[in-house]
Amino acid sequence: MLGTTEIENVLFLDIETVPEYPVYSEVPERFQKLWDKKSRNFTPEDETSSDVYNRAGIYAEFGKIVCISVGLVTRTTDGMTLRIKSFANDDEKILLHEFANLLNTHYNNRQQYKLCGHNGKEFDFPFIARRMLVHAMRLPILLDIGGLKPWENPHLDTMTYWKFGEYKNFTSLDLLAAIFDVPTPKDDIDGSQVYGVYYEDNNLDRIVEYCQKDVVTLVQVYRKLDGQSLIEDSNIKMV
């Protein structure tokens, strides 16, 4: 699957999400009731739905995107070069309009271009599309996949590729990186800490840095799955 698409035509991405409101008490009453119902199946018996509100960020109906980092690979005289760019904002609508502008301007051909993420088909791509619809935005062509046949879908997913048709297991990007001996930074936060870093530390820059490193790892794992060598650190640029 990976070998059928030129890597220069793939836009790699990762997103970071948080609950739409800092704490449960600030959630509008209508959505509090809906969250109570949604969280019923995973709330421990000794806790309430408000206690698990920090998990609301993984649901597009209750969360928002605070960062989308993208990576583009190009061929140069120095070898393969990876450029990383991030869209980050406390105002999700601004962030999404900037990202949509990138897709509409440079990635508006479904036959030529692909999006790639790790678990992107189950999380990143639908989350972005749903949040765009919440903000009454027209979906860029690479996200508007309704009615497409499976072979027309412009979405690539390193986790799906690694499964080889198996659906009973989730393999993290970190685990794939370890399997393929892809170096990863040791100073990262992890996904469970994003809520605290955003709402308690007010440190969006740290989240952006974490998201960008995930995109670098994603590209390197993609290269390994495609039987290619890693991109040299000196050829990785943050735009």
Protein backbone atom coordinates (compact mmCIF):
# COMPACT_ATOMS: atom_id res chain seq x y z
CA MET A 1 0.00 0.00 0.00
CA LEU A 2 2.65 2.51 1.01
CA GLY A 3 4.76 1.91 -2.07
CA THR A 4 1.97 2.92 -4.47
CA THR A 5 2.10 6.59 -3.44
CA GLU A 6 5.08 8.88 -3.95
CA ILE A 7 6.10 10.17 -0.54
CA GLU A 8 6.25 13.73 -1.89
CA ASN A 9 2.50 13.52 -2.44
CA VAL A 10 1.74 12.52 1.15
CA LEU A 11 0.91 15.08 3.84
CA PHE A 12 1.71 13.56 7.22
CA LEU A 13 -0.17 14.90 10.21
CA ASP A 14 -0.93 14.56 13.88
CA ILE A 15 -3.38 16.46 16.07
CA GLU A 16 -3.62 17.31 19.76
CA THR A 17 -7.02 17.73 21.36
CA VAL A 18 -8.44 18.83 24.72
CA PRO A 19 -11.92 19.10 26.23
CA GLU A 20 -13.77 22.13 24.87
CA TYR A 21 -14.12 23.59 28.39
CA PRO A 22 -11.48 23.68 31.16
CA VAL A 23 -13.65 21.95 33.76
CA TYR A 24 -16.98 20.14 33.91
CA SER A 25 -18.67 22.95 35.83
CA GLU A 26 -18.21 25.32 32.88
CA VAL A 27 -19.84 22.95 30.39
CA PRO A 28 -23.34 24.14 29.33
CA GLU A 29 -26.07 22.19 31.08
CA ARG A 30 -27.32 20.54 27.91
CA PHE A 31 -23.86 19.16 27.19
CA GLN A 32 -23.31 18.18 30.81
CA LYS A 33 -26.27 15.84 30.54
CA LEU A 34 -24.99 14.45 27.25
CA TRP A 35 -21.51 13.95 28.73
CA ASP A 36 -23.04 12.19 31.74
CA LYS A 37 -24.67 9.76 29.33
CA LYS A 38 -21.60 9.38 27.13
CA SER A 39 -19.21 8.73 30.00
CA ARG A 40 -21.44 6.27 31.84
CA ASN A 41 -19.72 3.23 30.36
CA PHE A 42 -16.18 4.17 31.41
CA THR A 43 -16.72 6.04 34.68
CA PRO A 44 -15.54 4.00 37.72
CA GLU A 45 -18.18 3.25 40.33
CA ASP A 46 -16.50 5.49 42.89
CA GLU A 47 -16.30 8.49 40.52
CA THR A 48 -18.69 10.79 38.68
CA SER A 49 -18.85 11.98 35.10
CA SER A 50 -17.22 15.24 36.18
CA ASP A 51 -14.23 13.29 37.51
CA VAL A 52 -13.52 11.86 34.06
CA TYR A 53 -14.19 15.05 32.10
CA ASN A 54 -10.49 15.32 31.24
CA ARG A 55 -11.15 12.45 28.80
CA ALA A 56 -13.66 14.52 26.83
CA GLY A 57 -10.91 15.68 24.49
CA ILE A 58 -10.86 12.39 22.58
CA TYR A 59 -14.45 12.91 21.41
CA ALA A 60 -15.11 15.44 18.65
CA GLU A 61 -18.53 16.21 20.15
CA PHE A 62 -17.00 17.36 23.44
CA GLY A 63 -13.43 18.33 22.55
CA LYS A 64 -11.51 20.74 20.38
CA ILE A 65 -8.26 20.73 18.43
CA VAL A 66 -5.46 22.94 19.73
CA CYS A 67 -2.71 21.87 17.33
CA ILE A 68 -2.35 20.25 13.91
CA SER A 69 1.23 19.54 12.88
CA VAL A 70 1.98 18.50 9.31
CA GLY A 71 5.05 17.10 7.59
CA LEU A 72 6.07 17.25 3.91
CA VAL A 73 8.91 15.19 2.45
CA THR A 74 10.81 16.45 -0.59
CA ARG A 75 13.82 15.21 -2.55
CA THR A 76 16.83 17.53 -2.60
CA THR A 77 20.48 17.26 -3.59
CA ASP A 78 21.19 16.50 0.08
CA GLY A 79 18.72 13.60 0.12
CA MET A 80 15.21 13.39 1.51
CA THR A 81 14.17 16.49 3.47
CA LEU A 82 11.30 16.71 5.96
CA ARG A 83 9.65 20.05 6.69
CA ILE A 84 7.32 20.39 9.68
CA LYS A 85 4.72 23.12 10.08
CA SER A 86 2.14 23.56 12.85
CA PHE A 87 -1.24 25.23 13.11
CA ALA A 88 -1.94 26.04 16.75
CA ASN A 89 -4.42 28.40 18.34
CA ASP A 90 -6.71 28.63 21.35
CA ASP A 91 -9.41 29.58 18.84
CA GLU A 92 -10.10 26.31 17.07
CA LYS A 93 -11.94 27.97 14.18
CA ILE A 94 -8.87 30.04 13.24
CA LEU A 95 -6.66 26.96 13.37
CA LEU A 96 -9.01 24.93 11.19
CA HIS A 97 -9.40 27.70 8.60
CA GLU A 98 -5.61 27.94 8.28
CA PHE A 99 -5.29 24.18 7.87
CA ALA A 100 -8.18 24.05 5.38
CA ASN A 101 -6.50 26.79 3.36
CA LEU A 102 -3.36 24.64 3.10
CA LEU A 103 -5.37 21.65 1.86
CA ASN A 104 -7.49 23.69 -0.55
CA THR A 105 -4.49 25.50 -2.00
CA HIS A 106 -1.90 22.73 -2.29
CA TYR A 107 -3.67 19.39 -1.77
CA ASN A 108 -6.88 19.67 -3.75
CA ASN A 109 -6.51 16.57 -5.93
CA ARG A 110 -7.73 13.34 -4.37
CA GLN A 111 -6.11 11.19 -7.06
CA GLN A 112 -2.67 12.70 -6.52
CA TYR A 113 -2.40 13.54 -2.83
CA LYS A 114 -2.86 11.53 0.37
CA LEU A 115 -3.10 12.24 4.08
CA CYS A 116 -1.24 9.96 6.47
CA GLY A 117 -1.51 9.55 10.23
CA HIS A 118 -1.07 6.88 12.86
CA ASN A 119 -4.59 5.72 13.71
CA GLY A 120 -5.56 8.63 11.49
CA LYS A 121 -8.50 6.83 9.93
CA GLU A 122 -10.08 6.23 13.33
CA PHE A 123 -9.11 9.46 15.09
CA ASP A 124 -7.28 12.37 13.42
CA PHE A 125 -9.07 12.57 10.06
CA PRO A 126 -12.67 12.16 11.30
CA PHE A 127 -11.99 14.43 14.29
CA ILE A 128 -10.79 17.24 12.01
CA ALA A 129 -13.72 16.77 9.63
CA ARG A 130 -16.30 16.76 12.43
CA ARG A 131 -14.87 19.89 14.04
CA MET A 132 -14.89 21.67 10.67
CA LEU A 133 -18.57 20.84 10.31
CA VAL A 134 -19.23 22.15 13.83
CA HIS A 135 -17.77 25.47 12.65
CA ALA A 136 -19.89 25.40 9.46
CA MET A 137 -16.84 24.95 7.25
CA ARG A 138 -16.81 23.30 3.85
CA LEU A 139 -14.65 20.17 3.94
CA PRO A 140 -11.48 20.16 1.83
CA ILE A 141 -11.53 17.42 -0.79
CA LEU A 142 -9.04 15.21 1.09
CA LEU A 143 -11.38 15.11 4.10
CA ASP A 144 -14.65 14.83 2.19
CA ILE A 145 -14.72 11.04 1.74
CA GLY A 146 -18.45 10.36 1.99
CA GLY A 147 -19.58 7.87 -0.66
CA LEU A 148 -16.07 7.01 -1.84
CA LYS A 149 -15.13 3.43 -2.64
CA PRO A 150 -12.36 1.99 -0.41
CA TRP A 151 -9.74 2.28 -3.15
CA GLU A 152 -10.68 5.93 -3.69
CA ASN A 153 -10.05 6.90 -0.07
CA PRO A 154 -7.05 9.29 0.06
CA HIS A 155 -6.17 8.36 3.65
CA LEU A 156 -3.12 6.33 4.64
CA ASP A 157 -2.63 4.94 8.13
CA THR A 158 0.57 3.41 9.49
CA MET A 159 -1.34 1.54 12.18
CA THR A 160 -3.78 0.06 9.67
CA TYR A 161 -0.90 -1.03 7.46
CA TRP A 162 0.86 -2.70 10.41
CA LYS A 163 -2.31 -4.64 11.27
CA PHE A 164 -2.37 -6.47 7.90
CA GLY A 165 -6.11 -7.00 8.28
CA GLU A 166 -6.08 -7.80 12.02
CA TYR A 167 -8.58 -5.77 14.05
CA LYS A 168 -8.13 -7.03 17.60
CA ASN A 169 -5.05 -5.06 18.54
CA PHE A 170 -3.91 -1.43 18.85
CA THR A 171 -0.22 -0.76 18.18
CA SER A 172 1.02 2.63 19.34
CA LEU A 173 3.35 4.81 17.29
CA ASP A 174 5.91 4.58 20.10
CA LEU A 175 5.86 0.79 19.91
CA LEU A 176 6.33 0.78 16.14
CA ALA A 177 9.19 3.26 16.52
CA ALA A 178 10.84 0.91 19.02
CA ILE A 179 10.33 -2.12 16.77
CA PHE A 180 11.98 -0.34 13.83
CA ASP A 181 14.68 1.27 15.98
CA VAL A 182 13.46 4.78 15.17
CA PRO A 183 14.95 7.20 17.70
CA THR A 184 12.40 9.28 19.62
CA PRO A 185 12.97 12.21 22.00
CA LYS A 186 13.08 11.30 25.69
CA ASP A 187 11.77 14.65 26.96
CA ASP A 188 8.26 14.47 25.51
CA ILE A 189 5.03 14.73 27.40
CA ASP A 190 2.54 12.02 26.56
CA GLY A 191 -1.05 12.23 25.42
CA SER A 192 -2.45 11.87 28.92
CA GLN A 193 -0.65 15.07 29.97
CA VAL A 194 -1.93 17.35 27.19
CA TYR A 195 -5.01 18.37 29.18
CA GLY A 196 -2.92 19.53 32.15
CA VAL A 197 -0.28 21.23 30.01
CA TYR A 198 -3.00 23.18 28.17
CA TYR A 199 -5.49 24.11 30.89
CA GLU A 200 -3.28 24.12 34.00
CA ASP A 201 0.11 25.19 32.63
CA ASN A 202 -1.26 27.31 29.75
CA ASN A 203 1.65 26.06 27.65
CA LEU A 204 0.44 25.61 24.09
CA ASP A 205 4.01 25.88 22.78
CA ARG A 206 4.97 22.71 24.63
CA ILE A 207 2.04 20.88 23.07
CA VAL A 208 3.09 22.09 19.62
CA GLU A 209 6.61 20.78 20.18
CA TYR A 210 5.24 17.42 21.28
CA CYS A 211 2.93 17.24 18.24
CA GLN A 212 5.76 18.09 15.85
CA LYS A 213 7.95 15.33 17.29
CA ASP A 214 5.13 12.85 16.74
CA VAL A 215 4.98 13.84 13.07
CA VAL A 216 8.73 13.28 12.72
CA THR A 217 8.31 9.82 14.27
CA LEU A 218 5.32 9.13 12.01
CA VAL A 219 7.33 9.92 8.87
CA GLN A 220 10.28 7.81 10.00
CA VAL A 221 8.01 4.83 10.78
CA TYR A 222 6.33 5.27 7.38
CA ARG A 223 9.77 5.14 5.77
CA LYS A 224 10.58 1.92 7.60
CA LEU A 225 7.25 0.33 6.66
CA ASP A 226 8.04 1.23 3.07
CA GLY A 227 11.49 -0.38 3.28
CA GLN A 228 13.34 2.95 3.13
CA SER A 229 16.10 4.48 5.22
CA LEU A 230 15.46 7.10 7.88
CA ILE A 231 15.63 10.79 7.03
CA GLU A 232 18.76 12.34 8.53
CA ASP A 233 18.20 14.66 11.51
CA SER A 234 20.08 17.40 9.66
CA ASN A 235 17.44 17.24 6.92
CA ILE A 236 14.49 17.79 9.28
CA LYS A 237 13.35 21.42 9.37
CA MET A 238 10.75 23.16 11.51
CA VAL A 239 9.05 25.85 9.41
